PDB file of N, CA and C in Angstrom:
ATOM      1  N   MET A   1     -17.963   2.094  27.212  1.00  0.00           N
ATOM      2  CA  MET A   1     -16.705   2.011  26.494  1.00  0.00           C
ATOM      3  C   MET A   1     -16.087   0.636  26.707  1.00  0.00           C
ATOM      4  N   ARG A   2     -15.633   0.030  25.623  1.00  0.00           N
ATOM      5  CA  ARG A   2     -15.039  -1.296  25.680  1.00  0.00           C
ATOM      6  C   ARG A   2     -13.537  -1.187  25.920  1.00  0.00           C
ATOM      7  N   THR A   3     -13.012  -1.979  26.816  1.00  0.00           N
ATOM      8  CA  THR A   3     -11.589  -1.957  27.133  1.00  0.00           C
ATOM      9  C   THR A   3     -10.900  -3.158  26.490  1.00  0.00           C
ATOM     10  N   ILE A   4      -9.779  -2.916  25.857  1.00  0.00           N
ATOM     11  CA  ILE A   4      -8.980  -4.004  25.289  1.00  0.00           C
ATOM     12  C   ILE A   4      -8.020  -4.469  26.367  1.00  0.00           C
ATOM     13  N   THR A   5      -8.164  -5.698  26.757  1.00  0.00           N
ATOM     14  CA  THR A   5      -7.293  -6.202  27.815  1.00  0.00           C
ATOM     15  C   THR A   5      -6.074  -6.912  27.251  1.00  0.00           C
ATOM     16  N   ASP A   6      -6.186  -7.468  26.067  1.00  0.00           N
ATOM     17  CA  ASP A   6      -5.070  -8.204  25.491  1.00  0.00           C
ATOM     18  C   ASP A   6      -4.864  -7.774  24.037  1.00  0.00           C
ATOM     19  N   PRO A   7      -3.891  -6.895  23.779  1.00  0.00           N
ATOM     20  CA  PRO A   7      -3.677  -6.441  22.407  1.00  0.00           C
ATOM     21  C   PRO A   7      -3.209  -7.558  21.469  1.00  0.00           C
ATOM     22  N   TRP A   8      -2.799  -8.677  22.005  1.00  0.00           N
ATOM     23  CA  TRP A   8      -2.368  -9.802  21.184  1.00  0.00           C
ATOM     24  C   TRP A   8      -3.532 -10.687  20.758  1.00  0.00           C
ATOM     25  N   SER A   9      -4.731 -10.397  21.242  1.00  0.00           N
ATOM     26  CA  SER A   9      -5.886 -11.214  20.876  1.00  0.00           C
ATOM     27  C   SER A   9      -6.346 -10.866  19.463  1.00  0.00           C
ATOM     28  N   PRO A  10      -6.920 -11.840  18.758  1.00  0.00           N
ATOM     29  CA  PRO A  10      -7.411 -11.583  17.394  1.00  0.00           C
ATOM     30  C   PRO A  10      -8.526 -10.548  17.379  1.00  0.00           C
ATOM     31  N   LEU A  11      -8.699  -9.913  16.226  1.00  0.00           N
ATOM     32  CA  LEU A  11      -9.743  -8.914  16.043  1.00  0.00           C
ATOM     33  C   LEU A  11     -10.463  -9.212  14.740  1.00  0.00           C
ATOM     34  N   ARG A  12     -11.756  -9.472  14.831  1.00  0.00           N
ATOM     35  CA  ARG A  12     -12.561  -9.727  13.629  1.00  0.00           C
ATOM     36  C   ARG A  12     -13.129  -8.388  13.138  1.00  0.00           C
ATOM     37  N   LEU A  13     -12.892  -8.077  11.876  1.00  0.00           N
ATOM     38  CA  LEU A  13     -13.367  -6.842  11.272  1.00  0.00           C
ATOM     39  C   LEU A  13     -14.767  -7.033  10.700  1.00  0.00           C
ATOM     40  N   ALA A  14     -15.472  -5.951  10.487  1.00  0.00           N
ATOM     41  CA  ALA A  14     -16.822  -6.009   9.928  1.00  0.00           C
ATOM     42  C   ALA A  14     -16.830  -6.682   8.558  1.00  0.00           C
ATOM     43  N   SER A  15     -15.718  -6.616   7.832  1.00  0.00           N
ATOM     44  CA  SER A  15     -15.620  -7.234   6.505  1.00  0.00           C
ATOM     45  C   SER A  15     -15.577  -8.755   6.577  1.00  0.00           C
ATOM     46  N   GLY A  16     -15.327  -9.275   7.784  1.00  0.00           N
ATOM     47  CA  GLY A  16     -15.177 -10.714   7.956  1.00  0.00           C
ATOM     48  C   GLY A  16     -13.723 -11.143   8.109  1.00  0.00           C
ATOM     49  N   ALA A  17     -12.780 -10.277   7.728  1.00  0.00           N
ATOM     50  CA  ALA A  17     -11.360 -10.587   7.898  1.00  0.00           C
ATOM     51  C   ALA A  17     -11.017 -10.563   9.380  1.00  0.00           C
ATOM     52  N   THR A  18     -10.069 -11.393   9.759  1.00  0.00           N
ATOM     53  CA  THR A  18      -9.626 -11.438  11.149  1.00  0.00           C
ATOM     54  C   THR A  18      -8.143 -11.111  11.225  1.00  0.00           C
ATOM     55  N   LEU A  19      -7.817 -10.136  12.059  1.00  0.00           N
ATOM     56  CA  LEU A  19      -6.414  -9.814  12.324  1.00  0.00           C
ATOM     57  C   LEU A  19      -5.925 -10.726  13.430  1.00  0.00           C
ATOM     58  N   ARG A  20      -4.705 -11.222  13.324  1.00  0.00           N
ATOM     59  CA  ARG A  20      -4.199 -12.132  14.360  1.00  0.00           C
ATOM     60  C   ARG A  20      -3.940 -11.425  15.678  1.00  0.00           C
ATOM     61  N   ASN A  21      -3.793 -10.101  15.628  1.00  0.00           N
ATOM     62  CA  ASN A  21      -3.670  -9.281  16.841  1.00  0.00           C
ATOM     63  C   ASN A  21      -4.107  -7.862  16.472  1.00  0.00           C
ATOM     64  N   ARG A  22      -4.001  -6.951  17.411  1.00  0.00           N
ATOM     65  CA  ARG A  22      -4.512  -5.595  17.198  1.00  0.00           C
ATOM     66  C   ARG A  22      -3.418  -4.579  16.853  1.00  0.00           C
ATOM     67  N   PHE A  23      -2.265  -5.051  16.477  1.00  0.00           N
ATOM     68  CA  PHE A  23      -1.161  -4.171  16.095  1.00  0.00           C
ATOM     69  C   PHE A  23      -1.136  -4.020  14.580  1.00  0.00           C
ATOM     70  N   MET A  24      -0.940  -2.761  14.124  1.00  0.00           N
ATOM     71  CA  MET A  24      -0.871  -2.487  12.692  1.00  0.00           C
ATOM     72  C   MET A  24       0.418  -1.741  12.376  1.00  0.00           C
ATOM     73  N   LEU A  25       1.037  -2.131  11.280  1.00  0.00           N
ATOM     74  CA  LEU A  25       2.222  -1.429  10.805  1.00  0.00           C
ATOM     75  C   LEU A  25       1.765  -0.245   9.962  1.00  0.00           C
ATOM     76  N   ALA A  26       2.198   0.939  10.346  1.00  0.00           N
ATOM     77  CA  ALA A  26       1.815   2.162   9.630  1.00  0.00           C
ATOM     78  C   ALA A  26       2.441   2.180   8.234  1.00  0.00           C
ATOM     79  N   PRO A  27       1.833   2.902   7.303  1.00  0.00           N
ATOM     80  CA  PRO A  27       2.375   2.978   5.939  1.00  0.00           C
ATOM     81  C   PRO A  27       3.688   3.750   5.904  1.00  0.00           C
ATOM     82  N   MET A  28       4.557   3.307   5.007  1.00  0.00           N
ATOM     83  CA  MET A  28       5.835   3.985   4.801  1.00  0.00           C
ATOM     84  C   MET A  28       6.071   4.102   3.310  1.00  0.00           C
ATOM     85  N   THR A  29       6.089   5.310   2.820  1.00  0.00           N
ATOM     86  CA  THR A  29       6.314   5.529   1.399  1.00  0.00           C
ATOM     87  C   THR A  29       7.795   5.393   1.117  1.00  0.00           C
ATOM     88  N   THR A  30       8.126   4.460   0.222  1.00  0.00           N
ATOM     89  CA  THR A  30       9.531   4.165  -0.053  1.00  0.00           C
ATOM     90  C   THR A  30      10.061   4.854  -1.301  1.00  0.00           C
ATOM     91  N   ASN A  31       9.152   5.383  -2.140  1.00  0.00           N
ATOM     92  CA  ASN A  31       9.584   6.077  -3.350  1.00  0.00           C
ATOM     93  C   ASN A  31      10.458   5.184  -4.236  1.00  0.00           C
ATOM     94  N   SER A  32      10.144   3.866  -4.262  1.00  0.00           N
ATOM     95  CA  SER A  32      11.044   2.948  -4.949  1.00  0.00           C
ATOM     96  C   SER A  32      10.395   2.084  -6.021  1.00  0.00           C
ATOM     97  N   SER A  33       9.196   2.400  -6.458  1.00  0.00           N
ATOM     98  CA  SER A  33       8.600   1.656  -7.571  1.00  0.00           C
ATOM     99  C   SER A  33       9.248   2.111  -8.869  1.00  0.00           C
ATOM    100  N   ASP A  34       8.987   1.371  -9.953  1.00  0.00           N
ATOM    101  CA  ASP A  34       9.576   1.789 -11.225  1.00  0.00           C
ATOM    102  C   ASP A  34       8.763   2.936 -11.834  1.00  0.00           C
ATOM    103  N   ALA A  35       9.218   3.442 -12.957  1.00  0.00           N
ATOM    104  CA  ALA A  35       8.596   4.622 -13.571  1.00  0.00           C
ATOM    105  C   ALA A  35       7.144   4.384 -13.998  1.00  0.00           C
ATOM    106  N   GLN A  36       6.763   3.111 -14.216  1.00  0.00           N
ATOM    107  CA  GLN A  36       5.390   2.785 -14.606  1.00  0.00           C
ATOM    108  C   GLN A  36       4.499   2.483 -13.397  1.00  0.00           C
ATOM    109  N   GLY A  37       5.038   2.633 -12.182  1.00  0.00           N
ATOM    110  CA  GLY A  37       4.255   2.392 -10.980  1.00  0.00           C
ATOM    111  C   GLY A  37       4.210   0.943 -10.551  1.00  0.00           C
ATOM    112  N   ARG A  38       5.084   0.126 -11.087  1.00  0.00           N
ATOM    113  CA  ARG A  38       5.140  -1.283 -10.687  1.00  0.00           C
ATOM    114  C   ARG A  38       6.150  -1.447  -9.561  1.00  0.00           C
ATOM    115  N   VAL A  39       5.837  -2.363  -8.652  1.00  0.00           N
ATOM    116  CA  VAL A  39       6.706  -2.639  -7.521  1.00  0.00           C
ATOM    117  C   VAL A  39       8.017  -3.245  -8.021  1.00  0.00           C
ATOM    118  N   THR A  40       9.133  -2.863  -7.413  1.00  0.00           N
ATOM    119  CA  THR A  40      10.442  -3.409  -7.788  1.00  0.00           C
ATOM    120  C   THR A  40      10.817  -4.553  -6.850  1.00  0.00           C
ATOM    121  N   GLU A  41      11.813  -5.313  -7.235  1.00  0.00           N
ATOM    122  CA  GLU A  41      12.289  -6.419  -6.385  1.00  0.00           C
ATOM    123  C   GLU A  41      12.802  -5.899  -5.044  1.00  0.00           C
ATOM    124  N   ASP A  42      13.496  -4.764  -5.055  1.00  0.00           N
ATOM    125  CA  ASP A  42      13.968  -4.171  -3.794  1.00  0.00           C
ATOM    126  C   ASP A  42      12.797  -3.842  -2.876  1.00  0.00           C
ATOM    127  N   GLU A  43      11.745  -3.271  -3.452  1.00  0.00           N
ATOM    128  CA  GLU A  43      10.574  -2.921  -2.659  1.00  0.00           C
ATOM    129  C   GLU A  43       9.874  -4.179  -2.135  1.00  0.00           C
ATOM    130  N   LEU A  44       9.806  -5.235  -2.965  1.00  0.00           N
ATOM    131  CA  LEU A  44       9.185  -6.488  -2.515  1.00  0.00           C
ATOM    132  C   LEU A  44       9.960  -7.111  -1.352  1.00  0.00           C
ATOM    133  N   ARG A  45      11.280  -7.048  -1.412  1.00  0.00           N
ATOM    134  CA  ARG A  45      12.084  -7.559  -0.294  1.00  0.00           C
ATOM    135  C   ARG A  45      11.802  -6.753   0.984  1.00  0.00           C
ATOM    136  N   TYR A  46      11.692  -5.447   0.832  1.00  0.00           N
ATOM    137  CA  TYR A  46      11.366  -4.570   1.959  1.00  0.00           C
ATOM    138  C   TYR A  46       9.999  -4.950   2.543  1.00  0.00           C
ATOM    139  N   LEU A  47       8.995  -5.107   1.678  1.00  0.00           N
ATOM    140  CA  LEU A  47       7.649  -5.453   2.129  1.00  0.00           C
ATOM    141  C   LEU A  47       7.602  -6.846   2.751  1.00  0.00           C
ATOM    142  N   ASP A  48       8.366  -7.763   2.204  1.00  0.00           N
ATOM    143  CA  ASP A  48       8.429  -9.113   2.758  1.00  0.00           C
ATOM    144  C   ASP A  48       8.969  -9.087   4.190  1.00  0.00           C
ATOM    145  N   ARG A  49       9.990  -8.264   4.418  1.00  0.00           N
ATOM    146  CA  ARG A  49      10.532  -8.128   5.786  1.00  0.00           C
ATOM    147  C   ARG A  49       9.501  -7.516   6.723  1.00  0.00           C
ATOM    148  N   ARG A  50       8.740  -6.523   6.230  1.00  0.00           N
ATOM    149  CA  ARG A  50       7.689  -5.925   7.067  1.00  0.00           C
ATOM    150  C   ARG A  50       6.600  -6.950   7.363  1.00  0.00           C
ATOM    151  N   GLY A  51       6.248  -7.757   6.374  1.00  0.00           N
ATOM    152  CA  GLY A  51       5.194  -8.747   6.549  1.00  0.00           C
ATOM    153  C   GLY A  51       5.584  -9.905   7.448  1.00  0.00           C
ATOM    154  N   ALA A  52       6.880 -10.123   7.620  1.00  0.00           N
ATOM    155  CA  ALA A  52       7.357 -11.234   8.445  1.00  0.00           C
ATOM    156  C   ALA A  52       7.288 -10.914   9.944  1.00  0.00           C
ATOM    157  N   THR A  53       6.895  -9.728  10.292  1.00  0.00           N
ATOM    158  CA  THR A  53       6.765  -9.347  11.693  1.00  0.00           C
ATOM    159  C   THR A  53       5.486  -9.942  12.269  1.00  0.00           C
ATOM    160  N   GLU A  54       5.172  -9.644  13.482  1.00  0.00           N
ATOM    161  CA  GLU A  54       3.976 -10.187  14.131  1.00  0.00           C
ATOM    162  C   GLU A  54       2.779  -9.250  14.077  1.00  0.00           C
ATOM    163  N   PHE A  55       2.819  -8.238  13.196  1.00  0.00           N
ATOM    164  CA  PHE A  55       1.702  -7.316  13.084  1.00  0.00           C
ATOM    165  C   PHE A  55       0.464  -8.035  12.568  1.00  0.00           C
ATOM    166  N   GLY A  56      -0.712  -7.585  13.021  1.00  0.00           N
ATOM    167  CA  GLY A  56      -1.963  -8.138  12.528  1.00  0.00           C
ATOM    168  C   GLY A  56      -2.281  -7.646  11.129  1.00  0.00           C
ATOM    169  N   ALA A  57      -1.841  -6.429  10.810  1.00  0.00           N
ATOM    170  CA  ALA A  57      -2.077  -5.846   9.489  1.00  0.00           C
ATOM    171  C   ALA A  57      -0.948  -4.880   9.165  1.00  0.00           C
ATOM    172  N   ALA A  58      -0.744  -4.671   7.885  1.00  0.00           N
ATOM    173  CA  ALA A  58       0.248  -3.708   7.424  1.00  0.00           C
ATOM    174  C   ALA A  58      -0.369  -2.880   6.317  1.00  0.00           C
ATOM    175  N   VAL A  59      -0.172  -1.572   6.379  1.00  0.00           N
ATOM    176  CA  VAL A  59      -0.695  -0.660   5.375  1.00  0.00           C
ATOM    177  C   VAL A  59       0.421  -0.370   4.374  1.00  0.00           C
ATOM    178  N   THR A  60       0.111  -0.480   3.086  1.00  0.00           N
ATOM    179  CA  THR A  60       1.116  -0.228   2.056  1.00  0.00           C
ATOM    180  C   THR A  60       1.422   1.262   1.948  1.00  0.00           C
ATOM    181  N   SER A  61       2.479   1.565   1.213  1.00  0.00           N
ATOM    182  CA  SER A  61       2.707   2.965   0.861  1.00  0.00           C
ATOM    183  C   SER A  61       1.563   3.396  -0.050  1.00  0.00           C
ATOM    184  N   CYS A  62       1.429   4.677  -0.260  1.00  0.00           N
ATOM    185  CA  CYS A  62       0.335   5.195  -1.085  1.00  0.00           C
ATOM    186  C   CYS A  62       0.426   4.670  -2.518  1.00  0.00           C
ATOM    187  N   ALA A  63      -0.711   4.283  -3.050  1.00  0.00           N
ATOM    188  CA  ALA A  63      -0.806   3.864  -4.448  1.00  0.00           C
ATOM    189  C   ALA A  63      -1.652   4.901  -5.182  1.00  0.00           C
ATOM    190  N   TYR A  64      -1.081   5.486  -6.228  1.00  0.00           N
ATOM    191  CA  TYR A  64      -1.833   6.519  -6.944  1.00  0.00           C
ATOM    192  C   TYR A  64      -2.958   5.887  -7.762  1.00  0.00           C
ATOM    193  N   VAL A  65      -4.078   6.609  -7.846  1.00  0.00           N
ATOM    194  CA  VAL A  65      -5.255   6.074  -8.520  1.00  0.00           C
ATOM    195  C   VAL A  65      -5.472   6.683  -9.907  1.00  0.00           C
ATOM    196  N   HIS A  66      -4.660   7.675 -10.257  1.00  0.00           N
ATOM    197  CA  HIS A  66      -4.744   8.293 -11.583  1.00  0.00           C
ATOM    198  C   HIS A  66      -3.373   8.842 -11.940  1.00  0.00           C
ATOM    199  N   GLU A  67      -3.004   8.691 -13.199  1.00  0.00           N
ATOM    200  CA  GLU A  67      -1.676   9.157 -13.645  1.00  0.00           C
ATOM    201  C   GLU A  67      -1.442  10.631 -13.331  1.00  0.00           C
ATOM    202  N   ASP A  68      -2.483  11.448 -13.390  1.00  0.00           N
ATOM    203  CA  ASP A  68      -2.328  12.877 -13.120  1.00  0.00           C
ATOM    204  C   ASP A  68      -2.116  13.184 -11.645  1.00  0.00           C
ATOM    205  N   GLY A  69      -2.252  12.198 -10.787  1.00  0.00           N
ATOM    206  CA  GLY A  69      -2.155  12.446  -9.357  1.00  0.00           C
ATOM    207  C   GLY A  69      -0.891  11.918  -8.710  1.00  0.00           C
ATOM    208  N   ARG A  70       0.158  11.717  -9.471  1.00  0.00           N
ATOM    209  CA  ARG A  70       1.398  11.163  -8.923  1.00  0.00           C
ATOM    210  C   ARG A  70       2.219  12.258  -8.252  1.00  0.00           C
ATOM    211  N   SER A  71       2.579  12.024  -6.996  1.00  0.00           N
ATOM    212  CA  SER A  71       3.394  12.986  -6.246  1.00  0.00           C
ATOM    213  C   SER A  71       4.762  12.435  -5.893  1.00  0.00           C
ATOM    214  N   TRP A  72       5.013  11.175  -6.153  1.00  0.00           N
ATOM    215  CA  TRP A  72       6.320  10.554  -5.953  1.00  0.00           C
ATOM    216  C   TRP A  72       6.359   9.256  -6.730  1.00  0.00           C
ATOM    217  N   GLN A  73       7.505   8.622  -6.762  1.00  0.00           N
ATOM    218  CA  GLN A  73       7.740   7.396  -7.525  1.00  0.00           C
ATOM    219  C   GLN A  73       7.198   6.202  -6.742  1.00  0.00           C
ATOM    220  N   GLY A  74       5.870   6.106  -6.637  1.00  0.00           N
ATOM    221  CA  GLY A  74       5.245   5.051  -5.851  1.00  0.00           C
ATOM    222  C   GLY A  74       4.496   4.050  -6.694  1.00  0.00           C
ATOM    223  N   ILE A  75       3.852   3.105  -6.005  1.00  0.00           N
ATOM    224  CA  ILE A  75       3.103   2.070  -6.709  1.00  0.00           C
ATOM    225  C   ILE A  75       1.823   2.640  -7.305  1.00  0.00           C
ATOM    226  N   GLY A  76       1.413   2.057  -8.417  1.00  0.00           N
ATOM    227  CA  GLY A  76       0.227   2.511  -9.102  1.00  0.00           C
ATOM    228  C   GLY A  76      -0.954   1.582  -8.872  1.00  0.00           C
ATOM    229  N   ALA A  77      -2.132   2.169  -8.885  1.00  0.00           N
ATOM    230  CA  ALA A  77      -3.387   1.419  -8.821  1.00  0.00           C
ATOM    231  C   ALA A  77      -4.377   2.100  -9.755  1.00  0.00           C
ATOM    232  N   SER A  78      -3.892   2.477 -10.940  1.00  0.00           N
ATOM    233  CA  SER A  78      -4.727   3.271 -11.841  1.00  0.00           C
ATOM    234  C   SER A  78      -5.161   2.523 -13.095  1.00  0.00           C
ATOM    235  N   THR A  79      -4.520   1.404 -13.411  1.00  0.00           N
ATOM    236  CA  THR A  79      -4.893   0.654 -14.613  1.00  0.00           C
ATOM    237  C   THR A  79      -4.798  -0.842 -14.332  1.00  0.00           C
ATOM    238  N   ASP A  80      -5.371  -1.619 -15.239  1.00  0.00           N
ATOM    239  CA  ASP A  80      -5.272  -3.078 -15.125  1.00  0.00           C
ATOM    240  C   ASP A  80      -3.817  -3.537 -15.182  1.00  0.00           C
ATOM    241  N   ASP A  81      -2.952  -2.759 -15.806  1.00  0.00           N
ATOM    242  CA  ASP A  81      -1.534  -3.107 -15.889  1.00  0.00           C
ATOM    243  C   ASP A  81      -0.870  -3.160 -14.512  1.00  0.00           C
ATOM    244  N   HIS A  82      -1.484  -2.556 -13.507  1.00  0.00           N
ATOM    245  CA  HIS A  82      -0.919  -2.540 -12.158  1.00  0.00           C
ATOM    246  C   HIS A  82      -1.344  -3.744 -11.313  1.00  0.00           C
ATOM    247  N   LEU A  83      -2.303  -4.530 -11.789  1.00  0.00           N
ATOM    248  CA  LEU A  83      -2.842  -5.614 -10.972  1.00  0.00           C
ATOM    249  C   LEU A  83      -1.792  -6.640 -10.551  1.00  0.00           C
ATOM    250  N   GLU A  84      -0.938  -7.053 -11.466  1.00  0.00           N
ATOM    251  CA  GLU A  84       0.093  -8.039 -11.119  1.00  0.00           C
ATOM    252  C   GLU A  84       1.029  -7.490 -10.032  1.00  0.00           C
ATOM    253  N   SER A  85       1.407  -6.229 -10.168  1.00  0.00           N
ATOM    254  CA  SER A  85       2.260  -5.585  -9.183  1.00  0.00           C
ATOM    255  C   SER A  85       1.571  -5.511  -7.821  1.00  0.00           C
ATOM    256  N   LEU A  86       0.279  -5.142  -7.824  1.00  0.00           N
ATOM    257  CA  LEU A  86      -0.470  -5.043  -6.568  1.00  0.00           C
ATOM    258  C   LEU A  86      -0.622  -6.411  -5.912  1.00  0.00           C
ATOM    259  N   ARG A  87      -0.805  -7.451  -6.715  1.00  0.00           N
ATOM    260  CA  ARG A  87      -0.858  -8.819  -6.160  1.00  0.00           C
ATOM    261  C   ARG A  87       0.459  -9.170  -5.488  1.00  0.00           C
ATOM    262  N   ALA A  88       1.564  -8.795  -6.114  1.00  0.00           N
ATOM    263  CA  ALA A  88       2.882  -9.082  -5.545  1.00  0.00           C
ATOM    264  C   ALA A  88       3.073  -8.354  -4.216  1.00  0.00           C
ATOM    265  N   VAL A  89       2.574  -7.129  -4.126  1.00  0.00           N
ATOM    266  CA  VAL A  89       2.641  -6.364  -2.878  1.00  0.00           C
ATOM    267  C   VAL A  89       1.855  -7.093  -1.787  1.00  0.00           C
ATOM    268  N   ALA A  90       0.621  -7.490  -2.102  1.00  0.00           N
ATOM    269  CA  ALA A  90      -0.229  -8.186  -1.125  1.00  0.00           C
ATOM    270  C   ALA A  90       0.398  -9.503  -0.687  1.00  0.00           C
ATOM    271  N   GLN A  91       0.982 -10.224  -1.617  1.00  0.00           N
ATOM    272  CA  GLN A  91       1.607 -11.504  -1.278  1.00  0.00           C
ATOM    273  C   GLN A  91       2.842 -11.314  -0.407  1.00  0.00           C
ATOM    274  N   ALA A  92       3.642 -10.307  -0.713  1.00  0.00           N
ATOM    275  CA  ALA A  92       4.861 -10.074   0.073  1.00  0.00           C
ATOM    276  C   ALA A  92       4.521  -9.764   1.527  1.00  0.00           C
ATOM    277  N   ILE A  93       3.531  -8.926   1.735  1.00  0.00           N
ATOM    278  CA  ILE A  93       3.137  -8.577   3.101  1.00  0.00           C
ATOM    279  C   ILE A  93       2.388  -9.731   3.757  1.00  0.00           C
ATOM    280  N   GLY A  94       1.499 -10.364   3.008  1.00  0.00           N
ATOM    281  CA  GLY A  94       0.643 -11.407   3.563  1.00  0.00           C
ATOM    282  C   GLY A  94       1.314 -12.734   3.838  1.00  0.00           C
ATOM    283  N   ARG A  95       2.470 -12.970   3.247  1.00  0.00           N
ATOM    284  CA  ARG A  95       3.186 -14.243   3.455  1.00  0.00           C
ATOM    285  C   ARG A  95       3.405 -14.545   4.931  1.00  0.00           C
ATOM    286  N   GLY A  96       3.653 -13.514   5.710  1.00  0.00           N
ATOM    287  CA  GLY A  96       3.914 -13.705   7.137  1.00  0.00           C
ATOM    288  C   GLY A  96       2.650 -13.768   7.984  1.00  0.00           C
ATOM    289  N   GLY A  97       1.481 -13.632   7.353  1.00  0.00           N
ATOM    290  CA  GLY A  97       0.227 -13.746   8.086  1.00  0.00           C
ATOM    291  C   GLY A  97      -0.485 -12.439   8.364  1.00  0.00           C
ATOM    292  N   ALA A  98       0.118 -11.323   7.992  1.00  0.00           N
ATOM    293  CA  ALA A  98      -0.534 -10.024   8.215  1.00  0.00           C
ATOM    294  C   ALA A  98      -1.554  -9.750   7.119  1.00  0.00           C
ATOM    295  N   LEU A  99      -2.607  -9.031   7.461  1.00  0.00           N
ATOM    296  CA  LEU A  99      -3.576  -8.566   6.482  1.00  0.00           C
ATOM    297  C   LEU A  99      -2.965  -7.365   5.768  1.00  0.00           C
ATOM    298  N   THR A 100      -3.060  -7.332   4.449  1.00  0.00           N
ATOM    299  CA  THR A 100      -2.526  -6.221   3.670  1.00  0.00           C
ATOM    300  C   THR A 100      -3.617  -5.211   3.393  1.00  0.00           C
ATOM    301  N   LEU A 101      -3.345  -3.947   3.706  1.00  0.00           N
ATOM    302  CA  LEU A 101      -4.287  -2.857   3.438  1.00  0.00           C
ATOM    303  C   LEU A 101      -3.629  -1.907   2.445  1.00  0.00           C
ATOM    304  N   LEU A 102      -4.272  -1.702   1.314  1.00  0.00           N
ATOM    305  CA  LEU A 102      -3.741  -0.825   0.276  1.00  0.00           C
ATOM    306  C   LEU A 102      -4.187   0.606   0.547  1.00  0.00           C
ATOM    307  N   GLN A 103      -3.226   1.505   0.671  1.00  0.00           N
ATOM    308  CA  GLN A 103      -3.514   2.920   0.875  1.00  0.00           C
ATOM    309  C   GLN A 103      -3.559   3.608  -0.492  1.00  0.00           C
ATOM    310  N   LEU A 104      -4.653   4.274  -0.791  1.00  0.00           N
ATOM    311  CA  LEU A 104      -4.840   4.946  -2.074  1.00  0.00           C
ATOM    312  C   LEU A 104      -4.645   6.452  -1.916  1.00  0.00           C
ATOM    313  N   TYR A 105      -4.171   7.099  -2.981  1.00  0.00           N
ATOM    314  CA  TYR A 105      -4.026   8.559  -2.919  1.00  0.00           C
ATOM    315  C   TYR A 105      -4.119   9.170  -4.308  1.00  0.00           C
ATOM    316  N   ASP A 106      -4.367  10.458  -4.314  1.00  0.00           N
ATOM    317  CA  ASP A 106      -4.255  11.286  -5.506  1.00  0.00           C
ATOM    318  C   ASP A 106      -3.553  12.560  -5.056  1.00  0.00           C
ATOM    319  N   GLY A 107      -2.469  12.901  -5.719  1.00  0.00           N
ATOM    320  CA  GLY A 107      -1.659  14.038  -5.301  1.00  0.00           C
ATOM    321  C   GLY A 107      -2.328  15.390  -5.440  1.00  0.00           C
ATOM    322  N   GLY A 108      -3.348  15.474  -6.279  1.00  0.00           N
ATOM    323  CA  GLY A 108      -4.035  16.753  -6.448  1.00  0.00           C
ATOM    324  C   GLY A 108      -3.069  17.878  -6.793  1.00  0.00           C
ATOM    325  N   ARG A 109      -3.148  18.965  -6.056  1.00  0.00           N
ATOM    326  CA  ARG A 109      -2.347  20.162  -6.361  1.00  0.00           C
ATOM    327  C   ARG A 109      -0.850  19.971  -6.134  1.00  0.00           C
ATOM    328  N   ILE A 110      -0.457  18.900  -5.427  1.00  0.00           N
ATOM    329  CA  ILE A 110       0.981  18.683  -5.215  1.00  0.00           C
ATOM    330  C   ILE A 110       1.545  17.616  -6.154  1.00  0.00           C
ATOM    331  N   ALA A 111       0.758  17.192  -7.147  1.00  0.00           N
ATOM    332  CA  ALA A 111       1.259  16.245  -8.139  1.00  0.00           C
ATOM    333  C   ALA A 111       2.469  16.852  -8.841  1.00  0.00           C
ATOM    334  N   LEU A 112       3.430  16.018  -9.163  1.00  0.00           N
ATOM    335  CA  LEU A 112       4.661  16.496  -9.792  1.00  0.00           C
ATOM    336  C   LEU A 112       4.577  16.381 -11.310  1.00  0.00           C
ATOM    337  N   PRO A 113       4.757  17.502 -12.023  1.00  0.00           N
ATOM    338  CA  PRO A 113       4.658  17.478 -13.482  1.00  0.00           C
ATOM    339  C   PRO A 113       5.560  16.435 -14.141  1.00  0.00           C
ATOM    340  N   GLY A 114       6.725  16.168 -13.580  1.00  0.00           N
ATOM    341  CA  GLY A 114       7.642  15.193 -14.167  1.00  0.00           C
ATOM    342  C   GLY A 114       7.191  13.749 -14.020  1.00  0.00           C
ATOM    343  N   LEU A 115       6.213  13.483 -13.176  1.00  0.00           N
ATOM    344  CA  LEU A 115       5.747  12.107 -12.948  1.00  0.00           C
ATOM    345  C   LEU A 115       4.382  11.795 -13.549  1.00  0.00           C
ATOM    346  N   VAL A 116       3.620  12.802 -13.887  1.00  0.00           N
ATOM    347  CA  VAL A 116       2.264  12.556 -14.366  1.00  0.00           C
ATOM    348  C   VAL A 116       2.264  12.030 -15.793  1.00  0.00           C
ATOM    349  N   GLY A 117       1.115  11.601 -16.237  1.00  0.00           N
ATOM    350  CA  GLY A 117       0.987  10.993 -17.558  1.00  0.00           C
ATOM    351  C   GLY A 117       1.364  11.914 -18.702  1.00  0.00           C
ATOM    352  N   PRO A 118       1.326  11.368 -19.919  1.00  0.00           N
ATOM    353  CA  PRO A 118       1.761  12.122 -21.107  1.00  0.00           C
ATOM    354  C   PRO A 118       1.009  13.423 -21.338  1.00  0.00           C
ATOM    355  N   GLY A 119      -0.244  13.513 -20.872  1.00  0.00           N
ATOM    356  CA  GLY A 119      -1.027  14.730 -21.075  1.00  0.00           C
ATOM    357  C   GLY A 119      -0.725  15.801 -20.057  1.00  0.00           C
ATOM    358  N   GLY A 120       0.063  15.482 -19.050  1.00  0.00           N
ATOM    359  CA  GLY A 120       0.364  16.451 -18.010  1.00  0.00           C
ATOM    360  C   GLY A 120      -0.802  16.615 -17.043  1.00  0.00           C
ATOM    361  N   ILE A 121      -0.679  17.550 -16.160  1.00  0.00           N
ATOM    362  CA  ILE A 121      -1.727  17.803 -15.176  1.00  0.00           C
ATOM    363  C   ILE A 121      -2.845  18.574 -15.865  1.00  0.00           C
ATOM    364  N   ARG A 122      -4.036  17.980 -15.850  1.00  0.00           N
ATOM    365  CA  ARG A 122      -5.178  18.613 -16.526  1.00  0.00           C
ATOM    366  C   ARG A 122      -6.040  19.342 -15.513  1.00  0.00           C
ATOM    367  N   GLY A 123      -6.580  20.438 -15.923  1.00  0.00           N
ATOM    368  CA  GLY A 123      -7.496  21.207 -15.086  1.00  0.00           C
ATOM    369  C   GLY A 123      -8.903  20.667 -15.151  1.00  0.00           C
ATOM    370  N   PRO A 124      -9.845  21.318 -14.450  1.00  0.00           N
ATOM    371  CA  PRO A 124     -11.241  20.864 -14.441  1.00  0.00           C
ATOM    372  C   PRO A 124     -11.920  20.939 -15.792  1.00  0.00           C
TER     373      PRO A 124
END
């Protein structure tokens, strides 16, 4: 078993990315994106403050991967229309030097009918 003696030391991941230390900021769902799943200015300011800390990495709030899987008013990662918003999220967190990790989700059975796409929740 390997012992970590200095949690402030850098950590190189198998992907090749290097964290400046071994501390990670856990994801926090803010429920503050717009109705189309794009990040808002308020949310970007929040993420910028989180990214300005000394964490090695920060995990975003959940990003839905399909319109039918929305369980709250969060960021989207389901269409090309979300790419600019996702870039803004990564930049806000990464400005301070932290690695940005995008958390993906699908609400499944707890998806909210009022938030899903125009076709509603579809069955198998």
